[in-house]
Amino acid sequence: MQQQNPIKRIFDLYTSDLSYQEIEKLIKREANEVYEFFKSDIPKPDKSRNKFVRGLIFIRSLFNAFIMKLTPARRIFYLISIFFFGIGYLEYNTLYIWSGFIILNLLLAFELADKLLAKNELDIAKKIQFDLIPKHKAEIGQYETASHYEPAREVGGDYFDIIEAHDKTYIVIGDISGKGMAAALYMTRVQAIIYFLLDNYFDVKEILIKLKKYFSQKLRKEFFLTITIASIEKDGTINLVRAGHPPPFHYDASNNEFREINTCGIGIGFNDYGVFEKTLELYTFKPGEGDTIVFYTDGLTETMNKYKIMLGEKRVKKTIETNANKSAEDIKKSLVRLINYHRGEAAQNDDVTFVVLKRISAQSK
C-alpha cells in the first residue's frame, strides 16, 4: 500500500472543511466587520498629503489600533515576537525566528481561547433571549398573528411580546439604541418591568408612563428606548400608544389604502423635562375584516444591501398590499423573502423584528 505524502496529509487535514463560501465570507464580510471594529480608533486621513503617505499613515494607525486592543502583557509579548522576527531575519538566526514564531502562536492561542469562551457565553445568552421571545403563532380573538425576530448579532436590542392579561391581549414591540449584549441586557429589563406593570395596570398609556419612570432611572446616557404598546379588546378594538417608535402600518382592505398610526410620543431616555407624559397620545381604532396591521422596528425598513441602499417603507407597504388577501403567516413569509432578497450578500446592519396582525371574519375561524 502506497504511503500518502505527509505534506498532502497535513494539507488535507487543515482544508477538509474549507469551502468557497467560507473564503468569500472571510474576504467580503468578516474583513469588513474587522475594519469597522478598528475604524473608530483610526484618525481621519489628512487630504493635504499624497496617497502614498496617507496609505502608510493608515497602515500605521491600523497597526496601532490593533496593538492597543491587546492586554498590556500580550501587547509586550507581541512586540517581542516582532522584534525576534526582525533580528532573526537580519542576522539569519533561526533561533530568534522560531522564538518569535512560538510566542506569536501562543498569543494567538490565548486570544482564540478568549474568543471561544466569549462565544460560549454569547451562545447561552442567545438561547436565553430566544426563550423570552414568543415562539408560537398566537390566536387573538378576531385576529391571527405571525412574527419575525432576527438579531444582527448573537443577541440584540429588539424586543416583542404578546401577553394575555386583564381579559385583553397586549402587543409590545421595542428597540434599544445600539446592538449586542448591552442592548440585550436592557431589553431583558424592559420585559421584566412590563410584566410587573401588567400585574397592576391595564391602561396602555399608564403602563408606558410607569415604564418610563422605572426604566429610565438607571439608563446610561448613550442609550434610549423606543416602544409601542397596544391592547386588543374582546370586540377587536385596539388601544395604542407609541413612544418614539416607528408608526405601525395599517392596511385598510375595504378602501385599499394605508394609514400610518403616527401618534405623538417621544422615546424613553431623553431629557424630556416632563414633556413625555404631556405629549403621549392614546389612539383607539377598530380594524375592519381583512385589515392588516404591521408593528415593526426600524431594522425592517432600514435593511441595507451591499450598496448601502435601504429597503424603505414603500417596498414594505407594496409587499403587504400584494399579499393582503393571504394569512398573517404568509404575509410574514413574504416580508422575510423581501428582506433577504434586498440584503443579498451584505451583512445584516440592524436587528429586524415585526409582528403581523390580521383581522379575520368570524366565519373563517
Protein backbone atom coordinates (compact mmCIF):
# COMPACT_ATOMS: atom_id res chain seq x y z
CA MET A 1 0.00 0.00 0.00
CA GLN A 2 1.45 3.32 -1.09
CA GLN A 3 2.02 5.73 1.78
CA GLN A 4 0.43 9.14 1.33
CA ASN A 5 2.66 12.19 1.10
CA PRO A 6 2.90 13.73 4.63
CA ILE A 7 2.61 17.26 3.23
CA LYS A 8 -0.58 16.29 1.42
CA ARG A 9 -1.93 14.70 4.61
CA ILE A 10 -1.34 17.92 6.54
CA PHE A 11 -2.90 19.97 3.72
CA ASP A 12 -5.97 17.71 3.65
CA LEU A 13 -6.30 17.90 7.43
CA TYR A 14 -6.36 21.69 7.56
CA THR A 15 -8.57 22.17 4.48
CA SER A 16 -11.06 19.32 5.00
CA ASP A 17 -13.96 21.63 5.95
CA LEU A 18 -12.91 24.58 3.80
CA SER A 19 -15.40 25.87 1.22
CA TYR A 20 -15.55 28.66 -1.32
CA GLN A 21 -18.39 30.22 0.68
CA GLU A 22 -16.17 30.32 3.76
CA ILE A 23 -13.38 32.11 1.86
CA GLU A 24 -15.90 34.52 0.34
CA LYS A 25 -17.35 35.24 3.79
CA LEU A 26 -13.85 35.95 5.16
CA ILE A 27 -12.99 38.39 2.38
CA LYS A 28 -16.33 40.12 1.84
CA ARG A 29 -17.96 40.14 5.28
CA GLU A 30 -15.56 39.36 8.12
CA ALA A 31 -12.76 41.60 6.81
CA ASN A 32 -15.22 44.49 6.64
CA GLU A 33 -16.50 43.76 10.15
CA VAL A 34 -12.93 43.74 11.50
CA TYR A 35 -12.25 47.08 9.81
CA GLU A 36 -15.45 48.55 11.27
CA PHE A 37 -14.32 47.35 14.70
CA PHE A 38 -10.99 49.21 14.48
CA LYS A 39 -12.21 52.19 12.44
CA SER A 40 -13.20 54.31 15.44
CA ASP A 41 -9.57 54.27 16.64
CA ILE A 42 -8.13 55.34 13.27
CA PRO A 43 -7.77 59.11 12.73
CA LYS A 44 -9.27 60.64 9.61
CA PRO A 45 -6.77 60.95 6.73
CA ASP A 46 -5.07 64.28 6.05
CA LYS A 47 -6.08 65.07 2.47
CA SER A 48 -3.22 67.54 2.10
CA ARG A 49 -0.79 64.58 1.92
CA ASN A 50 -0.31 62.41 -1.17
CA LYS A 51 -1.96 58.98 -1.47
CA PHE A 52 1.22 57.03 -0.73
CA VAL A 53 1.89 58.88 2.53
CA ARG A 54 -1.78 58.60 3.52
CA GLY A 55 -1.57 54.85 2.86
CA LEU A 56 1.47 54.48 5.13
CA ILE A 57 -0.22 56.52 7.87
CA PHE A 58 -3.35 54.38 7.55
CA ILE A 59 -1.34 51.14 7.90
CA ARG A 60 0.48 52.52 10.95
CA SER A 61 -2.79 53.70 12.53
CA LEU A 62 -4.47 50.35 11.87
CA PHE A 63 -1.49 48.53 13.41
CA ASN A 64 -1.58 50.80 16.49
CA ALA A 65 -5.36 50.31 16.84
CA PHE A 66 -4.83 46.54 16.76
CA ILE A 67 -1.97 46.64 19.27
CA MET A 68 -3.89 48.78 21.75
CA LYS A 69 -6.78 46.28 21.78
CA LEU A 70 -4.45 43.67 23.30
CA THR A 71 -3.93 43.48 27.06
CA PRO A 72 -0.71 45.22 28.21
CA ALA A 73 1.10 41.91 28.84
CA ARG A 74 0.10 40.41 25.47
CA ARG A 75 0.99 43.70 23.78
CA ILE A 76 4.56 43.47 25.13
CA PHE A 77 4.98 39.83 24.12
CA TYR A 78 3.57 40.58 20.65
CA LEU A 79 6.16 43.34 20.16
CA ILE A 80 8.88 40.97 21.44
CA SER A 81 7.85 38.38 18.84
CA ILE A 82 8.04 41.03 16.09
CA PHE A 83 11.47 42.08 17.40
CA PHE A 84 12.69 38.44 17.38
CA PHE A 85 11.44 38.02 13.79
CA GLY A 86 13.30 41.15 12.71
CA ILE A 87 16.55 40.22 14.43
CA GLY A 88 16.35 36.66 13.14
CA TYR A 89 15.77 37.85 9.57
CA LEU A 90 18.60 40.42 9.65
CA GLU A 91 21.12 38.10 11.30
CA TYR A 92 19.94 34.87 9.64
CA ASN A 93 19.39 33.42 13.11
CA THR A 94 16.77 30.66 13.08
CA LEU A 95 16.63 30.58 16.91
CA TYR A 96 15.24 34.12 17.00
CA ILE A 97 12.81 33.37 14.16
CA TRP A 98 11.46 30.23 15.85
CA SER A 99 11.23 32.04 19.20
CA GLY A 100 9.17 34.79 17.58
CA PHE A 101 7.02 32.19 15.84
CA ILE A 102 6.33 30.30 19.11
CA ILE A 103 5.47 33.48 21.04
CA LEU A 104 3.15 34.65 18.27
CA ASN A 105 1.31 31.33 18.19
CA LEU A 106 0.98 31.25 21.97
CA LEU A 107 -0.58 34.70 21.86
CA LEU A 108 -2.89 33.52 19.09
CA ALA A 109 -3.91 30.55 21.25
CA PHE A 110 -4.70 32.85 24.19
CA GLU A 111 -6.77 35.19 22.00
CA LEU A 112 -8.61 32.23 20.46
CA ALA A 113 -9.38 30.80 23.89
CA ASP A 114 -10.79 34.17 24.98
CA LYS A 115 -12.91 34.36 21.84
CA LEU A 116 -14.29 30.83 22.27
CA LEU A 117 -15.12 31.47 25.94
CA ALA A 118 -16.89 34.71 24.99
CA LYS A 119 -18.70 32.95 22.15
CA ASN A 120 -19.88 30.24 24.52
CA GLU A 121 -21.28 32.89 26.86
CA LEU A 122 -22.96 34.63 23.90
CA ASP A 123 -24.49 31.35 22.74
CA ILE A 124 -26.00 30.85 26.18
CA ALA A 125 -27.27 34.46 26.20
CA LYS A 126 -28.76 33.93 22.74
CA LYS A 127 -30.64 30.82 23.88
CA ILE A 128 -31.98 32.67 26.91
CA GLN A 129 -33.09 35.65 24.83
CA PHE A 130 -34.82 33.45 22.26
CA ASP A 131 -36.59 31.64 25.12
CA LEU A 132 -38.06 35.01 26.14
CA ILE A 133 -39.49 35.62 22.66
CA PRO A 134 -42.93 34.11 21.78
CA LYS A 135 -42.43 31.05 19.57
CA HIS A 136 -45.97 30.03 18.66
CA LYS A 137 -48.44 31.67 16.32
CA ALA A 138 -50.83 33.43 18.68
CA GLU A 139 -54.58 33.41 18.18
CA ILE A 140 -56.07 36.67 19.41
CA GLY A 141 -59.86 36.59 19.28
CA GLN A 142 -60.79 38.03 15.89
CA TYR A 143 -57.14 38.26 14.80
CA GLU A 144 -54.40 35.96 13.62
CA THR A 145 -50.76 36.88 14.16
CA ALA A 146 -47.31 36.00 12.88
CA SER A 147 -43.96 37.36 14.00
CA HIS A 148 -40.32 37.52 12.95
CA TYR A 149 -37.27 38.20 15.13
CA GLU A 150 -33.74 38.34 13.70
CA PRO A 151 -30.91 39.94 15.71
CA ALA A 152 -27.94 41.38 13.80
CA ARG A 153 -25.55 39.72 16.26
CA GLU A 154 -25.84 36.76 18.60
CA VAL A 155 -28.12 38.84 20.84
CA GLY A 156 -29.97 42.03 20.05
CA GLY A 157 -31.76 45.07 21.38
CA ASP A 158 -35.14 44.41 19.77
CA TYR A 159 -37.98 43.03 21.84
CA PHE A 160 -41.53 41.99 21.19
CA ASP A 161 -44.12 40.14 23.20
CA ILE A 162 -47.75 39.03 23.05
CA ILE A 163 -49.23 38.90 26.55
CA GLU A 164 -52.65 37.91 27.88
CA ALA A 165 -53.77 39.98 30.89
CA HIS A 166 -56.93 41.66 32.25
CA ASP A 167 -59.11 39.92 29.61
CA LYS A 168 -57.06 41.68 26.92
CA THR A 169 -54.14 40.85 24.71
CA TYR A 170 -51.14 43.18 24.78
CA ILE A 171 -48.70 43.51 21.89
CA VAL A 172 -45.37 45.09 22.82
CA ILE A 173 -42.55 45.92 20.42
CA GLY A 174 -39.46 47.94 21.32
CA ASP A 175 -35.95 48.82 20.25
CA ILE A 176 -32.98 49.85 22.38
CA SER A 177 -30.43 52.04 20.60
CA GLY A 178 -27.39 50.03 19.60
CA LYS A 179 -26.84 46.31 19.17
CA GLY A 180 -25.27 43.43 21.02
CA MET A 181 -25.03 42.45 24.66
CA ALA A 182 -25.64 45.87 26.28
CA ALA A 183 -28.85 46.41 24.31
CA ALA A 184 -29.97 42.84 25.03
CA LEU A 185 -29.50 43.29 28.79
CA TYR A 186 -31.57 46.46 28.74
CA MET A 187 -34.28 44.72 26.77
CA THR A 188 -34.47 41.93 29.35
CA ARG A 189 -35.03 44.63 31.96
CA VAL A 190 -37.79 46.20 29.83
CA GLN A 191 -39.60 42.85 29.63
CA ALA A 192 -39.35 42.29 33.39
CA ILE A 193 -40.75 45.76 34.14
CA ILE A 194 -43.63 45.32 31.67
CA TYR A 195 -44.68 42.01 33.23
CA PHE A 196 -44.54 43.64 36.66
CA LEU A 197 -46.68 46.57 35.48
CA LEU A 198 -49.27 44.31 33.85
CA ASP A 199 -49.96 42.82 37.28
CA ASN A 200 -51.08 46.24 38.48
CA TYR A 201 -52.20 48.31 35.49
CA PHE A 202 -54.27 47.68 32.35
CA ASP A 203 -54.33 51.07 30.55
CA VAL A 204 -51.60 51.14 27.88
CA LYS A 205 -50.85 54.84 28.36
CA GLU A 206 -50.42 54.41 32.10
CA ILE A 207 -48.23 51.34 31.55
CA LEU A 208 -45.93 53.32 29.26
CA ILE A 209 -45.69 56.24 31.69
CA LYS A 210 -44.79 53.85 34.53
CA LEU A 211 -42.28 52.03 32.29
CA LYS A 212 -40.55 55.33 31.61
CA LYS A 213 -40.42 56.07 35.35
CA TYR A 214 -38.83 52.75 36.32
CA PHE A 215 -36.69 52.05 33.27
CA SER A 216 -35.03 55.44 32.88
CA GLN A 217 -33.77 55.53 36.48
CA LYS A 218 -30.55 53.62 35.75
CA LEU A 219 -30.35 54.01 31.97
CA ARG A 220 -26.94 55.12 30.71
CA LYS A 221 -26.95 58.41 28.79
CA GLU A 222 -25.88 56.85 25.49
CA PHE A 223 -28.92 54.56 25.38
CA PHE A 224 -32.59 55.22 24.72
CA LEU A 225 -35.70 53.12 24.16
CA THR A 226 -38.44 53.43 21.55
CA ILE A 227 -41.53 51.30 22.11
CA THR A 228 -45.13 50.71 21.06
CA ILE A 229 -47.71 49.06 23.31
CA ALA A 230 -51.16 48.05 22.06
CA SER A 231 -54.03 46.33 23.85
CA ILE A 232 -56.71 44.37 21.98
CA GLU A 233 -60.19 44.25 23.48
CA LYS A 234 -62.59 41.30 23.17
CA ASP A 235 -64.57 43.12 20.44
CA GLY A 236 -61.42 43.73 18.34
CA THR A 237 -60.86 47.35 19.36
CA ILE A 238 -57.17 48.32 19.61
CA ASN A 239 -55.78 50.90 22.05
CA LEU A 240 -52.27 52.01 21.15
CA VAL A 241 -49.53 54.29 22.47
CA ARG A 242 -46.21 54.95 20.80
CA ALA A 243 -43.03 56.35 22.37
CA GLY A 244 -40.74 57.40 19.53
CA HIS A 245 -41.16 54.06 17.78
CA PRO A 246 -41.80 53.70 14.02
CA PRO A 247 -45.55 54.12 13.36
CA PRO A 248 -47.31 50.81 12.62
CA PHE A 249 -48.66 50.24 9.11
CA HIS A 250 -52.44 49.76 8.91
CA TYR A 251 -53.67 48.40 5.59
CA ASP A 252 -57.37 49.15 5.16
CA ALA A 253 -58.64 46.30 2.96
CA SER A 254 -62.05 47.85 2.20
CA ASN A 255 -60.52 51.08 0.84
CA ASN A 256 -57.26 49.52 -0.42
CA GLU A 257 -55.13 52.16 1.33
CA PHE A 258 -52.52 52.51 4.06
CA ARG A 259 -52.72 54.52 7.24
CA GLU A 260 -49.65 55.17 9.38
CA ILE A 261 -50.56 55.25 13.06
CA ASN A 262 -48.30 58.22 13.68
CA THR A 263 -49.34 59.22 17.20
CA CYS A 264 -47.39 61.65 19.37
CA GLY A 265 -44.80 60.32 21.79
CA ILE A 266 -41.04 60.58 22.32
CA GLY A 267 -38.53 57.89 23.19
CA ILE A 268 -37.55 56.94 26.74
CA GLY A 269 -34.12 58.05 27.91
CA PHE A 270 -34.03 61.63 26.66
CA ASN A 271 -34.02 64.66 28.95
CA ASP A 272 -37.64 65.48 28.16
CA TYR A 273 -38.28 67.69 31.25
CA GLY A 274 -41.80 66.31 31.72
CA VAL A 275 -42.75 66.50 28.03
CA PHE A 276 -43.02 62.71 27.73
CA GLU A 277 -46.17 62.42 29.85
CA LYS A 278 -47.78 65.52 28.33
CA THR A 279 -47.33 64.53 24.69
CA LEU A 280 -48.06 60.80 24.93
CA GLU A 281 -51.14 60.16 22.79
CA LEU A 282 -53.61 57.28 23.05
CA TYR A 283 -55.05 56.10 19.73
CA THR A 284 -58.12 53.86 19.61
CA PHE A 285 -59.41 52.18 16.44
CA LYS A 286 -61.22 49.06 15.28
CA PRO A 287 -59.82 47.47 12.09
CA GLY A 288 -62.28 46.04 9.59
CA GLU A 289 -62.34 42.47 8.31
CA GLY A 290 -59.29 41.72 6.17
CA ASP A 291 -57.30 44.66 7.56
CA THR A 292 -53.62 44.11 8.32
CA ILE A 293 -51.55 45.93 10.94
CA VAL A 294 -47.76 45.53 10.98
CA PHE A 295 -45.79 46.55 14.08
CA TYR A 296 -42.05 46.73 13.35
CA THR A 297 -38.66 48.05 14.39
CA ASP A 298 -36.64 50.30 12.09
CA GLY A 299 -34.40 47.36 11.15
CA LEU A 300 -37.17 46.27 8.74
CA THR A 301 -37.37 49.41 6.59
CA GLU A 302 -33.67 50.24 7.06
CA THR A 303 -32.35 46.87 5.90
CA MET A 304 -29.37 47.67 3.65
CA ASN A 305 -27.85 45.94 0.65
CA LYS A 306 -24.15 45.99 -0.25
CA TYR A 307 -24.57 49.43 -1.84
CA LYS A 308 -25.90 50.84 1.49
CA ILE A 309 -29.34 51.37 -0.05
CA MET A 310 -32.20 50.98 2.44
CA LEU A 311 -35.22 48.80 1.76
CA GLY A 312 -37.61 51.65 2.59
CA GLU A 313 -41.27 51.88 3.58
CA LYS A 314 -42.61 51.90 0.01
CA ARG A 315 -41.48 48.35 -0.83
CA VAL A 316 -42.61 47.03 2.54
CA LYS A 317 -46.08 48.50 2.04
CA LYS A 318 -46.24 47.15 -1.51
CA THR A 319 -45.47 43.64 -0.25
CA ILE A 320 -48.15 43.91 2.44
CA GLU A 321 -50.69 45.15 -0.11
CA THR A 322 -49.81 42.44 -2.65
CA ASN A 323 -50.32 39.70 -0.05
CA ALA A 324 -53.18 41.35 1.88
CA ASN A 325 -55.63 38.59 0.95
CA LYS A 326 -53.37 35.92 2.47
CA SER A 327 -52.88 34.79 6.06
CA ALA A 328 -50.73 36.63 8.59
CA GLU A 329 -48.15 33.83 8.33
CA ASP A 330 -47.97 34.19 4.52
CA ILE A 331 -47.58 37.98 4.81
CA LYS A 332 -44.75 37.42 7.26
CA LYS A 333 -43.01 34.98 4.90
CA SER A 334 -43.35 37.44 2.02
CA LEU A 335 -41.72 40.19 4.10
CA VAL A 336 -38.87 37.86 5.11
CA ARG A 337 -38.27 36.98 1.45
CA LEU A 338 -38.23 40.70 0.60
CA ILE A 339 -35.68 41.39 3.34
CA ASN A 340 -33.38 38.55 2.25
CA TYR A 341 -33.65 39.49 -1.42
CA HIS A 342 -32.83 43.14 -0.78
CA ARG A 343 -29.99 42.41 1.66
CA GLY A 344 -28.37 39.86 -0.63
CA GLU A 345 -24.78 39.16 0.39
CA ALA A 346 -24.50 42.22 2.64
CA ALA A 347 -24.04 41.80 6.39
CA GLN A 348 -27.11 42.46 8.50
CA ASN A 349 -26.83 46.04 9.74
CA ASP A 350 -29.54 46.06 12.41
CA ASP A 351 -31.92 43.83 14.36
CA VAL A 352 -35.13 43.08 12.42
CA THR A 353 -38.39 42.47 14.26
CA PHE A 354 -42.01 42.72 13.19
CA VAL A 355 -45.45 41.42 14.15
CA VAL A 356 -48.23 40.93 11.60
CA LEU A 357 -51.76 41.29 12.97
CA LYS A 358 -54.65 40.45 10.63
CA ARG A 359 -58.37 40.85 11.30
CA ILE A 360 -60.32 37.80 10.16
CA SER A 361 -64.03 37.23 9.80
CA ALA A 362 -65.99 35.16 12.32
CA GLN A 363 -66.82 32.64 9.54
CA SER A 364 -63.12 31.99 8.76
CA LYS A 365 -62.30 30.98 12.33
